[in-house]
N, C-alpha and C. Protein backbone atom coordinates (compact mmCIF):
# COMPACT_ATOMS: atom_id res chain seq x y z
N MET A 1 104.65 108.28 127.40
CA MET A 1 106.08 108.46 127.65
C MET A 1 106.77 108.91 126.38
N ALA A 2 107.65 109.89 126.47
CA ALA A 2 108.37 110.39 125.30
C ALA A 2 109.35 109.34 124.80
N THR A 3 109.56 109.32 123.50
CA THR A 3 110.51 108.38 122.90
C THR A 3 111.75 109.15 122.50
N SER A 4 112.37 109.87 123.46
CA SER A 4 113.53 110.69 123.17
C SER A 4 114.68 109.83 122.68
N ILE A 5 115.49 110.39 121.78
CA ILE A 5 116.65 109.69 121.27
C ILE A 5 117.89 110.47 121.63
N ILE A 6 118.92 109.77 121.99
CA ILE A 6 120.18 110.42 122.34
C ILE A 6 121.24 109.90 121.39
N TYR A 7 121.80 110.77 120.58
CA TYR A 7 122.82 110.42 119.62
C TYR A 7 124.04 111.30 119.84
N ASN A 8 125.12 110.96 119.19
CA ASN A 8 126.24 111.87 119.08
C ASN A 8 125.80 113.07 118.25
N LYS A 9 126.58 114.13 118.23
CA LYS A 9 126.13 115.37 117.63
C LYS A 9 126.30 115.41 116.11
N SER A 10 127.03 114.46 115.54
CA SER A 10 127.25 114.47 114.09
C SER A 10 126.09 113.82 113.36
N PRO A 11 125.55 114.47 112.30
CA PRO A 11 124.46 113.86 111.53
C PRO A 11 124.84 112.49 110.98
N GLU A 12 126.15 112.28 110.68
CA GLU A 12 126.57 111.01 110.10
C GLU A 12 126.47 109.86 111.11
N SER A 13 126.40 110.19 112.41
CA SER A 13 126.36 109.15 113.44
C SER A 13 124.95 108.61 113.68
N ILE A 14 123.95 109.23 113.09
CA ILE A 14 122.57 108.82 113.31
C ILE A 14 122.31 107.47 112.66
N GLN A 15 121.66 106.58 113.38
CA GLN A 15 121.29 105.29 112.82
C GLN A 15 120.04 105.49 111.95
N PRO A 16 120.18 105.38 110.62
CA PRO A 16 119.08 105.78 109.72
C PRO A 16 117.77 105.05 109.97
N LYS A 17 117.82 103.73 110.16
CA LYS A 17 116.58 102.98 110.33
C LYS A 17 115.87 103.36 111.62
N ASP A 18 116.64 103.50 112.70
CA ASP A 18 116.05 103.86 113.98
C ASP A 18 115.43 105.24 113.91
N PHE A 19 116.17 106.18 113.30
CA PHE A 19 115.62 107.53 113.18
C PHE A 19 114.35 107.52 112.34
N LEU A 20 114.36 106.83 111.22
CA LEU A 20 113.20 106.81 110.33
C LEU A 20 111.97 106.26 111.03
N VAL A 21 112.15 105.19 111.80
CA VAL A 21 111.03 104.60 112.54
C VAL A 21 110.45 105.61 113.52
N ARG A 22 111.32 106.25 114.30
CA ARG A 22 110.85 107.17 115.32
C ARG A 22 110.27 108.44 114.71
N TYR A 23 110.90 108.90 113.64
CA TYR A 23 110.37 110.09 112.97
C TYR A 23 108.98 109.79 112.41
N THR A 24 108.86 108.67 111.70
CA THR A 24 107.57 108.31 111.09
C THR A 24 106.49 108.12 112.13
N TYR A 25 106.82 107.40 113.19
CA TYR A 25 105.84 107.18 114.25
C TYR A 25 105.32 108.51 114.80
N ASN A 26 106.22 109.42 115.12
CA ASN A 26 105.82 110.67 115.75
C ASN A 26 105.13 111.63 114.81
N THR A 27 105.66 111.81 113.59
CA THR A 27 105.04 112.78 112.68
C THR A 27 103.64 112.35 112.28
N ASN A 28 103.42 111.03 112.17
CA ASN A 28 102.09 110.55 111.82
C ASN A 28 101.16 110.52 113.03
N ALA A 29 101.71 110.24 114.22
CA ALA A 29 100.88 110.25 115.43
C ALA A 29 100.35 111.65 115.70
N ILE A 30 101.13 112.67 115.39
CA ILE A 30 100.65 114.05 115.54
C ILE A 30 99.40 114.27 114.71
N GLU A 31 99.33 113.61 113.56
CA GLU A 31 98.18 113.78 112.66
C GLU A 31 97.05 112.78 112.94
N GLY A 32 97.23 111.92 113.96
CA GLY A 32 96.13 111.03 114.34
C GLY A 32 96.34 109.57 114.07
N SER A 33 97.50 109.17 113.54
CA SER A 33 97.75 107.75 113.31
C SER A 33 97.73 107.00 114.64
N ARG A 34 97.17 105.79 114.61
CA ARG A 34 97.08 104.99 115.82
C ARG A 34 98.12 103.87 115.86
N MET A 35 99.01 103.84 114.90
CA MET A 35 100.07 102.83 114.92
C MET A 35 101.04 103.11 116.06
N SER A 36 101.49 102.05 116.73
CA SER A 36 102.46 102.20 117.81
C SER A 36 103.87 102.29 117.24
N LEU A 37 104.81 102.65 118.10
CA LEU A 37 106.22 102.69 117.69
C LEU A 37 106.67 101.31 117.25
N ARG A 38 106.29 100.28 118.00
CA ARG A 38 106.67 98.90 117.65
C ARG A 38 106.07 98.49 116.31
N GLN A 39 104.81 98.83 116.08
CA GLN A 39 104.18 98.50 114.80
C GLN A 39 104.88 99.20 113.64
N THR A 40 105.28 100.44 113.87
CA THR A 40 105.99 101.19 112.83
C THR A 40 107.31 100.53 112.50
N ALA A 41 108.01 100.04 113.52
CA ALA A 41 109.28 99.34 113.30
C ALA A 41 109.05 98.04 112.54
N LEU A 42 108.02 97.31 112.88
CA LEU A 42 107.71 96.07 112.17
C LEU A 42 107.51 96.34 110.68
N LEU A 43 106.80 97.41 110.39
CA LEU A 43 106.47 97.74 109.00
C LEU A 43 107.70 98.21 108.22
N LEU A 44 108.45 99.15 108.80
CA LEU A 44 109.52 99.80 108.05
C LEU A 44 110.84 99.04 108.08
N VAL A 45 111.09 98.30 109.15
CA VAL A 45 112.36 97.58 109.27
C VAL A 45 112.20 96.11 108.90
N ASP A 46 111.20 95.46 109.49
CA ASP A 46 111.00 94.04 109.24
C ASP A 46 110.13 93.74 108.03
N LYS A 47 109.54 94.79 107.46
CA LYS A 47 108.69 94.65 106.28
C LYS A 47 107.50 93.72 106.53
N VAL A 48 106.97 93.81 107.75
CA VAL A 48 105.81 93.00 108.14
C VAL A 48 104.66 93.94 108.43
N THR A 49 103.51 93.71 107.81
CA THR A 49 102.33 94.53 108.08
C THR A 49 101.80 94.18 109.47
N PRO A 50 101.76 95.13 110.39
CA PRO A 50 101.36 94.82 111.77
C PRO A 50 99.88 94.50 111.88
N GLU A 51 99.58 93.53 112.71
CA GLU A 51 98.19 93.14 112.94
C GLU A 51 97.45 94.27 113.65
N GLY A 52 96.23 94.51 113.22
CA GLY A 52 95.39 95.50 113.88
C GLY A 52 95.56 96.91 113.39
N ALA A 53 96.58 97.17 112.57
CA ALA A 53 96.78 98.52 112.05
C ALA A 53 95.84 98.76 110.88
N SER A 54 95.28 99.96 110.80
CA SER A 54 94.38 100.27 109.69
C SER A 54 95.17 100.42 108.40
N ALA A 55 94.50 100.17 107.28
CA ALA A 55 95.15 100.28 105.98
C ALA A 55 95.69 101.69 105.75
N ASN A 56 94.92 102.70 106.17
CA ASN A 56 95.33 104.08 105.96
C ASN A 56 96.58 104.42 106.78
N ASP A 57 96.63 103.93 108.04
CA ASP A 57 97.81 104.18 108.86
C ASP A 57 99.05 103.52 108.28
N VAL A 58 98.88 102.32 107.74
CA VAL A 58 100.00 101.61 107.11
C VAL A 58 100.48 102.37 105.88
N ILE A 59 99.56 102.81 105.05
CA ILE A 59 99.92 103.56 103.84
C ILE A 59 100.66 104.84 104.20
N GLU A 60 100.16 105.55 105.20
CA GLU A 60 100.78 106.81 105.57
C GLU A 60 102.17 106.61 106.18
N ALA A 61 102.38 105.49 106.87
CA ALA A 61 103.71 105.20 107.39
C ALA A 61 104.68 104.91 106.25
N LEU A 62 104.24 104.13 105.27
CA LEU A 62 105.08 103.86 104.10
C LEU A 62 105.35 105.16 103.34
N ASN A 63 104.34 106.00 103.23
CA ASN A 63 104.52 107.29 102.55
C ASN A 63 105.55 108.15 103.27
N SER A 64 105.50 108.13 104.61
CA SER A 64 106.45 108.92 105.38
C SER A 64 107.89 108.50 105.08
N ALA A 65 108.10 107.20 104.98
CA ALA A 65 109.44 106.69 104.67
C ALA A 65 109.88 107.14 103.29
N ASP A 66 108.97 107.07 102.33
CA ASP A 66 109.30 107.50 100.97
C ASP A 66 109.58 109.01 100.92
N ALA A 67 108.77 109.77 101.65
CA ALA A 67 108.94 111.22 101.66
C ALA A 67 110.27 111.60 102.31
N TRP A 68 110.62 110.92 103.39
CA TRP A 68 111.90 111.19 104.04
C TRP A 68 113.06 110.90 103.08
N GLN A 69 112.98 109.80 102.38
CA GLN A 69 114.03 109.45 101.43
C GLN A 69 114.14 110.51 100.33
N TYR A 70 113.00 110.97 99.84
CA TYR A 70 113.00 111.99 98.79
C TYR A 70 113.63 113.29 99.28
N VAL A 71 113.21 113.75 100.45
CA VAL A 71 113.72 115.01 100.99
C VAL A 71 115.22 114.89 101.31
N ASN A 72 115.61 113.75 101.84
CA ASN A 72 116.99 113.55 102.27
C ASN A 72 117.96 113.48 101.09
N THR A 73 117.45 113.16 99.90
CA THR A 73 118.32 113.04 98.73
C THR A 73 118.14 114.20 97.75
N HIS A 74 117.26 115.14 98.09
CA HIS A 74 117.03 116.28 97.20
C HIS A 74 118.23 117.21 97.22
N ARG A 75 118.82 117.44 96.07
CA ARG A 75 120.01 118.28 96.00
C ARG A 75 119.73 119.65 95.37
N GLY A 76 118.50 119.88 95.00
CA GLY A 76 118.14 121.18 94.44
C GLY A 76 117.77 122.16 95.53
N GLY A 77 117.20 123.28 95.12
CA GLY A 77 116.80 124.30 96.07
C GLY A 77 115.34 124.18 96.48
N LEU A 78 114.88 125.20 97.18
CA LEU A 78 113.47 125.26 97.58
C LEU A 78 112.67 125.82 96.41
N THR A 79 111.81 125.00 95.85
CA THR A 79 110.98 125.39 94.71
C THR A 79 109.55 124.92 94.93
N ILE A 80 108.65 125.45 94.13
CA ILE A 80 107.25 125.02 94.21
C ILE A 80 107.13 123.55 93.86
N SER A 81 107.85 123.10 92.84
CA SER A 81 107.77 121.70 92.44
C SER A 81 108.28 120.77 93.54
N PHE A 82 109.30 121.21 94.27
CA PHE A 82 109.82 120.43 95.40
C PHE A 82 108.76 120.29 96.48
N LEU A 83 108.11 121.38 96.84
CA LEU A 83 107.06 121.33 97.86
C LEU A 83 105.89 120.45 97.43
N LYS A 84 105.50 120.58 96.18
CA LYS A 84 104.38 119.78 95.68
C LYS A 84 104.73 118.29 95.67
N LYS A 85 105.96 117.98 95.33
CA LYS A 85 106.38 116.57 95.31
C LYS A 85 106.39 115.99 96.71
N ILE A 86 106.81 116.76 97.70
CA ILE A 86 106.77 116.28 99.08
C ILE A 86 105.33 115.96 99.47
N GLN A 87 104.41 116.86 99.12
CA GLN A 87 103.00 116.64 99.47
C GLN A 87 102.47 115.39 98.78
N VAL A 88 102.91 115.14 97.55
CA VAL A 88 102.51 113.90 96.86
C VAL A 88 103.01 112.69 97.63
N GLU A 89 104.26 112.74 98.06
CA GLU A 89 104.85 111.59 98.74
C GLU A 89 104.12 111.26 100.04
N VAL A 90 103.66 112.27 100.78
CA VAL A 90 102.99 111.99 102.05
C VAL A 90 101.51 111.65 101.89
N THR A 91 100.93 111.94 100.73
CA THR A 91 99.48 111.71 100.56
C THR A 91 99.14 110.68 99.50
N LYS A 92 100.10 110.16 98.77
CA LYS A 92 99.80 109.22 97.67
C LYS A 92 99.09 107.98 98.22
N ASN A 93 98.20 107.44 97.40
CA ASN A 93 97.43 106.24 97.75
C ASN A 93 96.50 106.43 98.94
N THR A 94 96.20 107.70 99.26
CA THR A 94 95.23 108.00 100.32
C THR A 94 94.02 108.67 99.70
N LEU A 95 93.09 109.07 100.55
CA LEU A 95 91.87 109.72 100.07
C LEU A 95 92.06 111.22 99.83
N CYS A 96 93.28 111.72 99.99
CA CYS A 96 93.53 113.14 99.72
C CYS A 96 93.08 113.48 98.30
N ARG A 97 92.20 114.47 98.19
CA ARG A 97 91.56 114.75 96.91
C ARG A 97 92.50 115.42 95.90
N ILE A 98 93.37 116.28 96.36
CA ILE A 98 94.29 116.98 95.45
C ILE A 98 95.72 116.66 95.89
N GLN A 99 96.43 115.94 95.04
CA GLN A 99 97.80 115.57 95.33
C GLN A 99 98.72 116.23 94.30
N GLY A 100 99.72 116.94 94.81
CA GLY A 100 100.67 117.57 93.91
C GLY A 100 100.26 118.93 93.40
N ASP A 101 99.27 119.54 94.03
CA ASP A 101 98.86 120.88 93.65
C ASP A 101 98.21 121.56 94.85
N PHE A 102 98.00 122.86 94.73
CA PHE A 102 97.45 123.62 95.84
C PHE A 102 95.96 123.35 96.01
N ARG A 103 95.47 123.61 97.21
CA ARG A 103 94.04 123.40 97.47
C ARG A 103 93.18 124.34 96.63
N ASP A 104 91.96 123.92 96.38
CA ASP A 104 91.05 124.73 95.57
C ASP A 104 89.88 125.28 96.38
N GLY A 105 89.96 125.13 97.70
CA GLY A 105 88.89 125.63 98.56
C GLY A 105 89.45 126.13 99.87
N ASP A 106 88.65 126.89 100.59
CA ASP A 106 89.07 127.42 101.88
C ASP A 106 88.99 126.33 102.94
N VAL A 107 89.81 126.46 103.97
CA VAL A 107 89.89 125.43 105.01
C VAL A 107 89.82 126.05 106.39
N LEU A 108 89.44 125.23 107.36
CA LEU A 108 89.50 125.56 108.77
C LEU A 108 90.43 124.55 109.43
N ILE A 109 91.17 124.99 110.44
CA ILE A 109 92.05 124.09 111.17
C ILE A 109 91.39 123.75 112.49
N ALA A 110 91.10 122.48 112.70
CA ALA A 110 90.40 122.05 113.91
C ALA A 110 91.18 122.45 115.16
N GLY A 111 90.49 123.06 116.10
CA GLY A 111 91.10 123.43 117.37
C GLY A 111 91.93 124.69 117.35
N SER A 112 91.92 125.41 116.22
CA SER A 112 92.72 126.63 116.11
C SER A 112 91.84 127.81 115.73
N ASP A 113 92.20 128.98 116.25
CA ASP A 113 91.50 130.21 115.89
C ASP A 113 92.04 130.80 114.59
N HIS A 114 93.16 130.28 114.13
CA HIS A 114 93.79 130.81 112.92
C HIS A 114 92.98 130.44 111.68
N LEU A 115 92.74 131.41 110.83
CA LEU A 115 92.03 131.18 109.56
C LEU A 115 93.04 131.29 108.43
N PRO A 116 93.38 130.18 107.77
CA PRO A 116 94.35 130.23 106.68
C PRO A 116 93.88 131.12 105.53
N PRO A 117 94.79 131.62 104.73
CA PRO A 117 94.42 132.47 103.59
C PRO A 117 93.47 131.75 102.64
N ARG A 118 92.79 132.51 101.83
CA ARG A 118 91.88 131.93 100.85
C ARG A 118 92.67 131.12 99.82
N ALA A 119 92.00 130.15 99.23
CA ALA A 119 92.68 129.21 98.32
C ALA A 119 93.38 129.92 97.17
N GLU A 120 92.75 130.96 96.62
CA GLU A 120 93.34 131.64 95.47
C GLU A 120 94.63 132.40 95.82
N GLU A 121 94.84 132.62 97.12
CA GLU A 121 96.06 133.32 97.56
C GLU A 121 97.25 132.39 97.72
N ALA A 122 96.99 131.09 97.84
CA ALA A 122 98.05 130.13 98.18
C ALA A 122 99.22 130.13 97.20
N PRO A 123 99.00 130.06 95.88
CA PRO A 123 100.15 130.01 94.96
C PRO A 123 101.08 131.21 95.09
N LEU A 124 100.51 132.41 95.17
CA LEU A 124 101.35 133.60 95.28
C LEU A 124 102.07 133.65 96.62
N LEU A 125 101.40 133.23 97.70
CA LEU A 125 102.02 133.23 99.02
C LEU A 125 103.20 132.27 99.08
N VAL A 126 103.07 131.12 98.43
CA VAL A 126 104.17 130.16 98.41
C VAL A 126 105.35 130.71 97.61
N LYS A 127 105.06 131.36 96.50
CA LYS A 127 106.13 132.00 95.71
C LYS A 127 106.86 133.05 96.55
N LYS A 128 106.10 133.84 97.29
CA LYS A 128 106.71 134.85 98.15
C LYS A 128 107.56 134.22 99.25
N LEU A 129 107.09 133.08 99.78
CA LEU A 129 107.85 132.40 100.82
C LEU A 129 109.19 131.90 100.29
N ILE A 130 109.19 131.40 99.07
CA ILE A 130 110.43 130.93 98.47
C ILE A 130 111.41 132.09 98.29
N LEU A 131 110.91 133.24 97.87
CA LEU A 131 111.77 134.42 97.75
C LEU A 131 112.30 134.85 99.12
N GLU A 132 111.43 134.80 100.13
CA GLU A 132 111.87 135.13 101.49
C GLU A 132 112.97 134.20 101.95
N TYR A 133 112.81 132.91 101.67
CA TYR A 133 113.82 131.93 102.06
C TYR A 133 115.17 132.28 101.45
N ARG A 134 115.18 132.62 100.17
CA ARG A 134 116.44 132.95 99.49
C ARG A 134 117.09 134.19 100.08
N GLN A 135 116.26 135.10 100.55
CA GLN A 135 116.79 136.33 101.15
C GLN A 135 117.27 136.10 102.59
N LEU A 136 116.53 135.30 103.34
CA LEU A 136 116.80 135.14 104.76
C LEU A 136 117.90 134.14 105.08
N LYS A 137 118.18 133.21 104.16
CA LYS A 137 119.13 132.15 104.49
C LYS A 137 120.54 132.67 104.72
N ALA A 138 120.83 133.89 104.25
CA ALA A 138 122.16 134.46 104.48
C ALA A 138 122.27 135.14 105.83
N SER A 139 121.11 135.47 106.43
CA SER A 139 121.15 136.25 107.67
C SER A 139 120.62 135.50 108.89
N LEU A 140 119.75 134.54 108.70
CA LEU A 140 119.20 133.81 109.84
C LEU A 140 120.03 132.57 110.16
N HIS A 141 120.11 132.23 111.43
CA HIS A 141 120.68 130.95 111.83
C HIS A 141 119.81 129.84 111.23
N PRO A 142 120.41 128.71 110.83
CA PRO A 142 119.61 127.63 110.21
C PRO A 142 118.43 127.17 111.05
N VAL A 143 118.57 127.17 112.36
CA VAL A 143 117.44 126.77 113.22
C VAL A 143 116.31 127.79 113.10
N GLU A 144 116.65 129.07 113.09
CA GLU A 144 115.64 130.11 112.91
C GLU A 144 115.00 130.01 111.53
N LEU A 145 115.81 129.74 110.52
CA LEU A 145 115.30 129.63 109.16
C LEU A 145 114.36 128.44 109.02
N ALA A 146 114.75 127.31 109.60
CA ALA A 146 113.91 126.12 109.56
C ALA A 146 112.58 126.37 110.27
N ALA A 147 112.65 127.02 111.42
CA ALA A 147 111.44 127.33 112.19
C ALA A 147 110.53 128.27 111.41
N TYR A 148 111.12 129.26 110.77
CA TYR A 148 110.33 130.24 110.02
C TYR A 148 109.61 129.57 108.85
N LEU A 149 110.33 128.74 108.09
CA LEU A 149 109.70 128.06 106.95
C LEU A 149 108.56 127.16 107.42
N HIS A 150 108.81 126.43 108.50
CA HIS A 150 107.77 125.56 109.05
C HIS A 150 106.54 126.37 109.42
N ASN A 151 106.76 127.47 110.15
CA ASN A 151 105.63 128.29 110.59
C ASN A 151 104.82 128.85 109.43
N ARG A 152 105.51 129.35 108.41
CA ARG A 152 104.81 129.93 107.28
C ARG A 152 104.03 128.87 106.50
N MET A 153 104.60 127.68 106.39
CA MET A 153 103.90 126.62 105.66
C MET A 153 102.61 126.22 106.38
N VAL A 154 102.68 126.01 107.68
CA VAL A 154 101.46 125.60 108.39
C VAL A 154 100.48 126.75 108.48
N ASN A 155 100.98 127.99 108.50
CA ASN A 155 100.11 129.16 108.53
C ASN A 155 99.31 129.28 107.24
N MET A 156 99.99 129.06 106.11
CA MET A 156 99.33 129.17 104.80
C MET A 156 98.43 127.98 104.51
N HIS A 157 98.84 126.79 105.00
CA HIS A 157 98.05 125.59 104.75
C HIS A 157 97.73 125.45 103.25
N PRO A 158 98.76 125.41 102.39
CA PRO A 158 98.51 125.52 100.95
C PRO A 158 97.89 124.29 100.30
N PHE A 159 97.93 123.13 100.99
CA PHE A 159 97.44 121.90 100.38
C PHE A 159 96.15 121.41 101.06
N THR A 160 95.46 120.52 100.40
CA THR A 160 94.24 119.98 100.99
C THR A 160 94.55 119.04 102.15
N ASP A 161 95.69 118.39 102.12
CA ASP A 161 96.10 117.49 103.19
C ASP A 161 97.62 117.39 103.16
N GLY A 162 98.21 116.99 104.28
CA GLY A 162 99.65 116.79 104.34
C GLY A 162 100.44 118.03 104.68
N ASN A 163 99.78 119.10 105.10
CA ASN A 163 100.49 120.35 105.37
C ASN A 163 101.48 120.23 106.53
N GLY A 164 101.05 119.65 107.64
CA GLY A 164 101.93 119.52 108.79
C GLY A 164 103.10 118.62 108.51
N ARG A 165 102.84 117.47 107.88
CA ARG A 165 103.93 116.55 107.56
C ARG A 165 104.90 117.17 106.56
N THR A 166 104.37 117.91 105.59
CA THR A 166 105.24 118.59 104.63
C THR A 166 106.09 119.64 105.33
N ALA A 167 105.50 120.41 106.23
CA ALA A 167 106.23 121.46 106.95
C ALA A 167 107.34 120.87 107.81
N ARG A 168 107.07 119.72 108.46
CA ARG A 168 108.10 119.11 109.30
C ARG A 168 109.24 118.53 108.46
N LEU A 169 108.92 118.07 107.28
CA LEU A 169 109.97 117.59 106.37
C LEU A 169 110.82 118.75 105.86
N ILE A 170 110.19 119.86 105.52
CA ILE A 170 110.93 121.04 105.07
C ILE A 170 111.83 121.56 106.19
N LEU A 171 111.32 121.56 107.40
CA LEU A 171 112.11 121.96 108.56
C LEU A 171 113.40 121.14 108.62
N ASN A 172 113.27 119.84 108.49
CA ASN A 172 114.44 118.96 108.56
C ASN A 172 115.34 119.10 107.34
N TRP A 173 114.76 119.39 106.21
CA TRP A 173 115.57 119.60 105.00
C TRP A 173 116.51 120.79 105.21
N VAL A 174 116.01 121.86 105.81
CA VAL A 174 116.85 123.03 106.07
C VAL A 174 117.98 122.66 107.05
N LEU A 175 117.64 121.93 108.10
CA LEU A 175 118.66 121.53 109.06
C LEU A 175 119.76 120.70 108.39
N LEU A 176 119.36 119.71 107.62
CA LEU A 176 120.32 118.82 106.98
C LEU A 176 121.20 119.57 105.98
N ARG A 177 120.62 120.50 105.24
CA ARG A 177 121.40 121.27 104.27
C ARG A 177 122.47 122.12 104.94
N ASN A 178 122.26 122.41 106.20
CA ASN A 178 123.20 123.24 106.94
C ASN A 178 124.05 122.42 107.91
N ARG A 179 124.18 121.12 107.63
CA ARG A 179 125.04 120.23 108.40
C ARG A 179 124.61 120.13 109.86
N LEU A 180 123.32 120.28 110.10
CA LEU A 180 122.76 120.07 111.43
C LEU A 180 121.97 118.77 111.43
N PRO A 181 121.83 118.13 112.56
CA PRO A 181 121.08 116.88 112.62
C PRO A 181 119.58 117.13 112.51
N PRO A 182 118.84 116.17 111.99
CA PRO A 182 117.39 116.31 111.90
C PRO A 182 116.75 116.15 113.27
N VAL A 183 115.54 116.64 113.38
CA VAL A 183 114.85 116.63 114.67
C VAL A 183 113.55 115.83 114.56
N ILE A 184 113.18 115.21 115.65
CA ILE A 184 111.89 114.54 115.78
C ILE A 184 111.03 115.37 116.73
N ILE A 185 109.89 115.83 116.25
CA ILE A 185 108.93 116.49 117.14
C ILE A 185 108.00 115.40 117.64
N GLU A 186 108.15 115.07 118.90
CA GLU A 186 107.45 113.91 119.45
C GLU A 186 105.98 114.19 119.69
N SER A 187 105.17 113.18 119.43
CA SER A 187 103.72 113.34 119.59
C SER A 187 103.35 113.59 121.04
N SER A 188 104.21 113.19 121.98
CA SER A 188 103.93 113.38 123.40
C SER A 188 103.95 114.85 123.80
N ILE A 189 104.59 115.70 122.97
CA ILE A 189 104.62 117.14 123.27
C ILE A 189 103.82 117.91 122.22
N LYS A 190 102.82 117.26 121.68
CA LYS A 190 102.02 117.87 120.63
C LYS A 190 101.38 119.18 121.08
N GLU A 191 100.93 119.23 122.31
CA GLU A 191 100.27 120.46 122.78
C GLU A 191 101.27 121.63 122.78
N ARG A 192 102.50 121.39 123.25
CA ARG A 192 103.52 122.44 123.22
C ARG A 192 103.85 122.84 121.79
N TYR A 193 103.89 121.85 120.93
CA TYR A 193 104.15 122.09 119.50
C TYR A 193 103.08 123.01 118.91
N TYR A 194 101.83 122.71 119.18
CA TYR A 194 100.74 123.53 118.66
C TYR A 194 100.75 124.94 119.24
N LYS A 195 101.11 125.06 120.51
CA LYS A 195 101.18 126.39 121.12
C LYS A 195 102.27 127.23 120.46
N ALA A 196 103.40 126.60 120.14
CA ALA A 196 104.48 127.32 119.46
C ALA A 196 104.05 127.74 118.06
N ILE A 197 103.28 126.88 117.39
CA ILE A 197 102.74 127.22 116.07
C ILE A 197 101.79 128.41 116.19
N GLU A 198 100.94 128.39 117.20
CA GLU A 198 99.99 129.50 117.39
C GLU A 198 100.70 130.83 117.60
N GLU A 199 101.85 130.79 118.28
CA GLU A 199 102.64 132.01 118.44
C GLU A 199 103.15 132.48 117.08
N GLY A 200 103.54 131.53 116.23
CA GLY A 200 103.97 131.88 114.88
C GLY A 200 102.85 132.49 114.07
N ASP A 201 101.63 131.99 114.27
CA ASP A 201 100.47 132.56 113.58
C ASP A 201 100.27 134.03 113.95
N LYS A 202 100.71 134.39 115.16
CA LYS A 202 100.59 135.77 115.64
C LYS A 202 101.79 136.62 115.22
N GLY A 203 102.75 135.99 114.53
CA GLY A 203 103.94 136.73 114.10
C GLY A 203 105.14 136.58 115.01
N ASN A 204 104.99 135.79 116.08
CA ASN A 204 106.09 135.57 117.02
C ASN A 204 106.83 134.29 116.62
N HIS A 205 107.73 134.39 115.66
CA HIS A 205 108.44 133.22 115.18
C HIS A 205 109.56 132.79 116.13
N ALA A 206 109.95 133.67 117.04
CA ALA A 206 110.98 133.32 118.01
C ALA A 206 110.54 132.17 118.90
N ALA A 207 109.26 132.10 119.22
CA ALA A 207 108.76 131.04 120.10
C ALA A 207 109.00 129.67 119.50
N PHE A 208 108.76 129.53 118.19
CA PHE A 208 108.98 128.23 117.57
C PHE A 208 110.47 127.96 117.40
N SER A 209 111.27 128.99 117.17
CA SER A 209 112.72 128.81 117.09
C SER A 209 113.26 128.26 118.40
N ILE A 210 112.78 128.80 119.51
CA ILE A 210 113.21 128.33 120.82
C ILE A 210 112.75 126.90 121.05
N PHE A 211 111.50 126.62 120.69
CA PHE A 211 110.96 125.26 120.81
C PHE A 211 111.81 124.27 120.02
N LEU A 212 112.17 124.63 118.80
CA LEU A 212 112.98 123.76 117.95
C LEU A 212 114.37 123.57 118.53
N ALA A 213 115.00 124.66 118.95
CA ALA A 213 116.35 124.57 119.52
C ALA A 213 116.36 123.70 120.78
N GLU A 214 115.36 123.85 121.62
CA GLU A 214 115.29 123.03 122.84
C GLU A 214 115.18 121.55 122.51
N ASN A 215 114.40 121.22 121.48
CA ASN A 215 114.24 119.81 121.11
C ASN A 215 115.51 119.25 120.49
N LEU A 216 116.21 120.05 119.71
CA LEU A 216 117.50 119.60 119.17
C LEU A 216 118.49 119.32 120.30
N LEU A 217 118.56 120.23 121.27
CA LEU A 217 119.47 120.02 122.39
C LEU A 217 119.10 118.79 123.19
N LEU A 218 117.81 118.59 123.40
CA LEU A 218 117.34 117.43 124.16
C LEU A 218 117.71 116.14 123.45
N GLN A 219 117.53 116.11 122.14
CA GLN A 219 117.72 114.86 121.41
C GLN A 219 119.18 114.56 121.09
N TYR A 220 120.03 115.58 121.12
CA TYR A 220 121.42 115.36 120.73
C TYR A 220 122.42 115.70 121.82
N THR A 221 121.98 115.79 123.05
CA THR A 221 122.89 115.97 124.17
C THR A 221 123.14 114.62 124.81
N VAL A 222 124.39 114.25 124.88
CA VAL A 222 124.75 112.96 125.49
C VAL A 222 124.63 113.08 127.01
N LYS A 223 123.83 112.24 127.60
CA LYS A 223 123.63 112.30 129.04
C LYS A 223 124.70 111.46 129.73
N GLY A 224 125.31 112.08 130.72
CA GLY A 224 126.34 111.40 131.48
C GLY A 224 125.78 110.56 132.60
């Protein structure tokens, strides 16, 4: 069952603890975490380590909270150091081999036909993406811009681990900077999420923009 949230349309009206719990639960569940929504709330709100949760799932949930806080308070622009710091926040104290720098080897994405660029291409591609962002932010709607950055990040897969979580945080950073509310991509619609990403891999970024806009409307439309 989806854990949809219905809030007023103003970002200031969002209940921070409730959003953080639901965001953390869903973003980590997409990556395979087995912690439940209730267990995530126990950990992040009540500060109680839930029984039966694996140490890695607990660490990654705590990391998600730290990463959200970092992104939400970042007042600078989109830079390489900002992206690397986000990746550190989501992977610290885990088995991720390279934290805070680009991957040093080629990767395959399980279940996808997309082949990410070679490792040596990652630094230059990220630099180009940052330049694209600076050029596009004046012409694209913030939802389109957020979707585009997310798609390019997951397409490049610049880090050894934490790429999806980093991309979803960057997506929300763009929304928040433009006075739009943050979005939760729920694990229950993971298949639709992946299909929209695959369209982005083919160059069809409109598909993910539509997917993102639909989820924003769903989560922030008050039901009568």
